[in-house]
Amino acid sequence: MLTAKDAVEDKIIGLDAGADDYVTKPFSFSELVARIRALLRRGKLADPVILSLDALTLNPATKTAKRGDKNIVLTAREYELLEYFMRNQKVVLTKTQILEHVWDYNYEGLSNIVETYVKYLRKKLRTTPKDKELIHTRRGAGYIFTDE
């Protein structure tokens, strides 16, 4: 992971989310290349984890999503948002947290971008009328991704 966030808490979150390494800006290009070589020496990478909730599955290796037997076509940003939600199941995520992780911590675009993309994602995740809602709004707090 290459980021400007250098707080210990950010490093822990990044490594717990699956990063093999955590490099903060500014960085030395030669150090980055050495770290990549070290990772490559480890050999074959483990098979990626398939994220799931209810009948929804997300394959980070192929960047594909399915609900039951139906493929869900997502834009790159929708995929990133869904992956962030799936990696943080049952955790209330604030709009600021979502902006920082899915867009960029310096994002200065439309103020309702999170709400807009959550709406797009909710619509795409309901592949049948019987499907449970998975993204829930917590008024004054943010969003939570759960099947409860």
C-alpha atoms as a PDB file:
ATOM      1  CA  MET A   1       0.000   0.000   0.000  1.00  0.00           C
ATOM      2  CA  LEU A   2       1.372   3.412  -0.970  1.00  0.00           C
ATOM      3  CA  THR A   3      -0.276   6.321   0.837  1.00  0.00           C
ATOM      4  CA  ALA A   4       0.226   9.699   2.440  1.00  0.00           C
ATOM      5  CA  LYS A   5      -1.429   8.500   5.650  1.00  0.00           C
ATOM      6  CA  ASP A   6       1.360   7.836   8.125  1.00  0.00           C
ATOM      7  CA  ALA A   7      -0.454   7.447  11.445  1.00  0.00           C
ATOM      8  CA  VAL A   8       0.040   4.120  13.210  1.00  0.00           C
ATOM      9  CA  GLU A   9      -3.736   3.532  13.187  1.00  0.00           C
ATOM     10  CA  ASP A  10      -3.828   3.975   9.382  1.00  0.00           C
ATOM     11  CA  LYS A  11      -0.963   1.500   8.972  1.00  0.00           C
ATOM     12  CA  ILE A  12      -2.767  -1.064  11.138  1.00  0.00           C
ATOM     13  CA  ILE A  13      -6.001  -0.633   9.169  1.00  0.00           C
ATOM     14  CA  GLY A  14      -4.146  -0.986   5.854  1.00  0.00           C
ATOM     15  CA  LEU A  15      -2.250  -4.106   6.893  1.00  0.00           C
ATOM     16  CA  ASP A  16      -5.358  -5.674   8.465  1.00  0.00           C
ATOM     17  CA  ALA A  17      -7.266  -4.968   5.234  1.00  0.00           C
ATOM     18  CA  GLY A  18      -4.837  -7.191   3.345  1.00  0.00           C
ATOM     19  CA  ALA A  19      -1.847  -5.053   2.362  1.00  0.00           C
ATOM     20  CA  ASP A  20       1.458  -6.976   2.339  1.00  0.00           C
ATOM     21  CA  ASP A  21       3.402  -3.799   3.009  1.00  0.00           C
ATOM     22  CA  TYR A  22       2.724  -0.146   3.834  1.00  0.00           C
ATOM     23  CA  VAL A  23       4.831   2.667   2.386  1.00  0.00           C
ATOM     24  CA  THR A  24       4.121   6.315   3.156  1.00  0.00           C
ATOM     25  CA  LYS A  25       4.791   9.391   1.041  1.00  0.00           C
ATOM     26  CA  PRO A  26       7.306  10.805   0.501  1.00  0.00           C
ATOM     27  CA  PHE A  27       9.141   7.610  -0.344  1.00  0.00           C
ATOM     28  CA  SER A  28      12.354   6.578  -2.007  1.00  0.00           C
ATOM     29  CA  PHE A  29      11.743   4.913  -5.362  1.00  0.00           C
ATOM     30  CA  SER A  30      14.720   2.589  -4.811  1.00  0.00           C
ATOM     31  CA  GLU A  31      13.247   1.505  -1.437  1.00  0.00           C
ATOM     32  CA  LEU A  32       9.886   0.835  -3.099  1.00  0.00           C
ATOM     33  CA  VAL A  33      11.551  -1.333  -5.763  1.00  0.00           C
ATOM     34  CA  ALA A  34      13.487  -3.231  -3.058  1.00  0.00           C
ATOM     35  CA  ARG A  35      10.250  -3.866  -1.139  1.00  0.00           C
ATOM     36  CA  ILE A  36       8.604  -5.193  -4.334  1.00  0.00           C
ATOM     37  CA  ARG A  37      11.579  -7.512  -4.940  1.00  0.00           C
ATOM     38  CA  ALA A  38      11.262  -8.798  -1.365  1.00  0.00           C
ATOM     39  CA  LEU A  39       7.568  -9.545  -1.889  1.00  0.00           C
ATOM     40  CA  LEU A  40       8.313 -11.370  -5.139  1.00  0.00           C
ATOM     41  CA  ARG A  41      10.890 -13.560  -3.362  1.00  0.00           C
ATOM     42  CA  ARG A  42       8.137 -14.906  -1.116  1.00  0.00           C
ATOM     43  CA  GLY A  43       6.925 -17.089  -3.960  1.00  0.00           C
ATOM     44  CA  LYS A  44       3.378 -17.888  -4.978  1.00  0.00           C
ATOM     45  CA  LEU A  45       0.792 -15.639  -3.430  1.00  0.00           C
ATOM     46  CA  ALA A  46      -2.032 -17.227  -1.512  1.00  0.00           C
ATOM     47  CA  ASP A  47      -5.339 -17.599  -3.268  1.00  0.00           C
ATOM     48  CA  PRO A  48      -7.359 -14.423  -2.759  1.00  0.00           C
ATOM     49  CA  VAL A  49     -10.178 -14.441  -0.284  1.00  0.00           C
ATOM     50  CA  ILE A  50     -13.690 -14.350  -1.688  1.00  0.00           C
ATOM     51  CA  LEU A  51     -15.701 -11.773   0.274  1.00  0.00           C
ATOM     52  CA  SER A  52     -19.319 -12.655   0.916  1.00  0.00           C
ATOM     53  CA  LEU A  53     -22.483 -11.589   2.693  1.00  0.00           C
ATOM     54  CA  ASP A  54     -25.877 -13.202   2.270  1.00  0.00           C
ATOM     55  CA  ALA A  55     -25.873 -14.461  -1.361  1.00  0.00           C
ATOM     56  CA  LEU A  56     -23.485 -11.690  -2.492  1.00  0.00           C
ATOM     57  CA  THR A  57     -19.887 -12.627  -3.349  1.00  0.00           C
ATOM     58  CA  LEU A  58     -16.999 -10.413  -4.398  1.00  0.00           C
ATOM     59  CA  ASN A  59     -13.810 -11.792  -5.909  1.00  0.00           C
ATOM     60  CA  PRO A  60     -10.988  -9.232  -5.463  1.00  0.00           C
ATOM     61  CA  ALA A  61      -8.704 -11.174  -7.816  1.00  0.00           C
ATOM     62  CA  THR A  62     -11.075 -10.902 -10.774  1.00  0.00           C
ATOM     63  CA  LYS A  63     -12.910  -7.799  -9.522  1.00  0.00           C
ATOM     64  CA  THR A  64     -16.252  -9.494 -10.092  1.00  0.00           C
ATOM     65  CA  ALA A  65     -19.437  -9.505  -8.040  1.00  0.00           C
ATOM     66  CA  LYS A  66     -22.334 -11.968  -8.018  1.00  0.00           C
ATOM     67  CA  ARG A  67     -25.583 -12.213  -6.110  1.00  0.00           C
ATOM     68  CA  GLY A  68     -26.667 -15.803  -6.197  1.00  0.00           C
ATOM     69  CA  ASP A  69     -26.013 -16.924  -9.753  1.00  0.00           C
ATOM     70  CA  LYS A  70     -26.372 -13.432 -11.290  1.00  0.00           C
ATOM     71  CA  ASN A  71     -23.329 -11.397 -12.245  1.00  0.00           C
ATOM     72  CA  ILE A  72     -23.404  -7.745 -11.187  1.00  0.00           C
ATOM     73  CA  VAL A  73     -21.803  -5.295 -13.595  1.00  0.00           C
ATOM     74  CA  LEU A  74     -20.072  -2.511 -11.676  1.00  0.00           C
ATOM     75  CA  THR A  75     -18.076   0.548 -12.649  1.00  0.00           C
ATOM     76  CA  ALA A  76     -14.586   0.797 -11.149  1.00  0.00           C
ATOM     77  CA  ARG A  77     -15.783   3.224  -8.463  1.00  0.00           C
ATOM     78  CA  GLU A  78     -18.845   1.106  -7.611  1.00  0.00           C
ATOM     79  CA  TYR A  79     -16.555  -1.904  -7.258  1.00  0.00           C
ATOM     80  CA  GLU A  80     -14.222   0.012  -4.921  1.00  0.00           C
ATOM     81  CA  LEU A  81     -17.171   1.143  -2.811  1.00  0.00           C
ATOM     82  CA  LEU A  82     -18.602  -2.374  -2.599  1.00  0.00           C
ATOM     83  CA  GLU A  83     -15.209  -3.835  -1.696  1.00  0.00           C
ATOM     84  CA  TYR A  84     -14.774  -1.234   1.061  1.00  0.00           C
ATOM     85  CA  PHE A  85     -18.215  -2.064   2.439  1.00  0.00           C
ATOM     86  CA  MET A  86     -17.556  -5.813   2.258  1.00  0.00           C
ATOM     87  CA  ARG A  87     -14.205  -5.490   4.025  1.00  0.00           C
ATOM     88  CA  ASN A  88     -15.923  -3.480   6.765  1.00  0.00           C
ATOM     89  CA  GLN A  89     -19.102  -5.494   7.324  1.00  0.00           C
ATOM     90  CA  LYS A  90     -21.209  -4.552  10.339  1.00  0.00           C
ATOM     91  CA  VAL A  91     -19.150  -1.384  10.909  1.00  0.00           C
ATOM     92  CA  VAL A  92     -20.774   2.034  10.631  1.00  0.00           C
ATOM     93  CA  LEU A  93     -18.745   3.965   8.049  1.00  0.00           C
ATOM     94  CA  THR A  94     -18.979   7.737   7.932  1.00  0.00           C
ATOM     95  CA  LYS A  95     -19.220   9.668   4.701  1.00  0.00           C
ATOM     96  CA  THR A  96     -15.726  11.035   5.402  1.00  0.00           C
ATOM     97  CA  GLN A  97     -14.259   7.541   5.846  1.00  0.00           C
ATOM     98  CA  ILE A  98     -15.831   6.423   2.574  1.00  0.00           C
ATOM     99  CA  LEU A  99     -14.554   9.499   0.724  1.00  0.00           C
ATOM    100  CA  GLU A 100     -11.028   8.980   2.069  1.00  0.00           C
ATOM    101  CA  HIS A 101     -10.864   5.286   1.219  1.00  0.00           C
ATOM    102  CA  VAL A 102     -12.835   5.054  -2.004  1.00  0.00           C
ATOM    103  CA  TRP A 103     -12.090   8.424  -3.562  1.00  0.00           C
ATOM    104  CA  ASP A 104      -9.136  10.262  -2.062  1.00  0.00           C
ATOM    105  CA  TYR A 105      -8.495  12.080   1.152  1.00  0.00           C
ATOM    106  CA  ASN A 106      -8.151  15.315  -0.859  1.00  0.00           C
ATOM    107  CA  TYR A 107     -11.410  14.866  -2.818  1.00  0.00           C
ATOM    108  CA  GLU A 108     -13.096  18.222  -3.374  1.00  0.00           C
ATOM    109  CA  GLY A 109     -15.795  17.318  -5.882  1.00  0.00           C
ATOM    110  CA  LEU A 110     -19.548  17.060  -5.410  1.00  0.00           C
ATOM    111  CA  SER A 111     -20.624  16.888  -1.777  1.00  0.00           C
ATOM    112  CA  ASN A 112     -23.285  14.232  -2.439  1.00  0.00           C
ATOM    113  CA  ILE A 113     -21.023  11.823  -4.338  1.00  0.00           C
ATOM    114  CA  VAL A 114     -21.172   9.169  -1.597  1.00  0.00           C
ATOM    115  CA  GLU A 115     -24.973   9.257  -1.453  1.00  0.00           C
ATOM    116  CA  THR A 116     -25.144   9.052  -5.240  1.00  0.00           C
ATOM    117  CA  TYR A 117     -22.880   6.002  -5.463  1.00  0.00           C
ATOM    118  CA  VAL A 118     -24.593   4.269  -2.538  1.00  0.00           C
ATOM    119  CA  LYS A 119     -27.879   4.714  -4.453  1.00  0.00           C
ATOM    120  CA  TYR A 120     -26.320   3.221  -7.620  1.00  0.00           C
ATOM    121  CA  LEU A 121     -24.899   0.304  -5.642  1.00  0.00           C
ATOM    122  CA  ARG A 122     -28.138  -0.415  -3.778  1.00  0.00           C
ATOM    123  CA  LYS A 123     -29.993  -0.617  -7.082  1.00  0.00           C
ATOM    124  CA  LYS A 124     -27.435  -2.977  -8.642  1.00  0.00           C
ATOM    125  CA  LEU A 125     -27.284  -5.246  -5.583  1.00  0.00           C
ATOM    126  CA  ARG A 126     -31.038  -5.909  -5.703  1.00  0.00           C
ATOM    127  CA  THR A 127     -30.944  -8.482  -8.503  1.00  0.00           C
ATOM    128  CA  THR A 128     -34.398  -9.796  -7.554  1.00  0.00           C
ATOM    129  CA  PRO A 129     -37.283  -8.223  -5.595  1.00  0.00           C
ATOM    130  CA  LYS A 130     -36.725 -10.771  -2.808  1.00  0.00           C
ATOM    131  CA  ASP A 131     -33.095  -9.753  -2.200  1.00  0.00           C
ATOM    132  CA  LYS A 132     -32.357  -8.268   1.218  1.00  0.00           C
ATOM    133  CA  GLU A 133     -31.132  -4.696   1.420  1.00  0.00           C
ATOM    134  CA  LEU A 134     -27.468  -4.851   2.443  1.00  0.00           C
ATOM    135  CA  ILE A 135     -26.515  -1.162   2.692  1.00  0.00           C
ATOM    136  CA  HIS A 136     -28.319   0.552   5.540  1.00  0.00           C
ATOM    137  CA  THR A 137     -28.291   4.251   6.427  1.00  0.00           C
ATOM    138  CA  ARG A 138     -27.632   5.177  10.037  1.00  0.00           C
ATOM    139  CA  ARG A 139     -29.000   8.712  10.401  1.00  0.00           C
ATOM    140  CA  GLY A 140     -26.374  11.139  11.605  1.00  0.00           C
ATOM    141  CA  ALA A 141     -23.697   8.421  11.531  1.00  0.00           C
ATOM    142  CA  GLY A 142     -23.185   6.957   8.065  1.00  0.00           C
ATOM    143  CA  TYR A 143     -23.743   3.604   6.400  1.00  0.00           C
ATOM    144  CA  ILE A 144     -23.512   0.020   7.576  1.00  0.00           C
ATOM    145  CA  PHE A 145     -23.163  -3.061   5.358  1.00  0.00           C
ATOM    146  CA  THR A 146     -25.037  -5.965   6.912  1.00  0.00           C
ATOM    147  CA  ASP A 147     -27.715  -8.541   6.168  1.00  0.00           C
ATOM    148  CA  GLU A 148     -29.471  -7.907   9.489  1.00  0.00           C
END
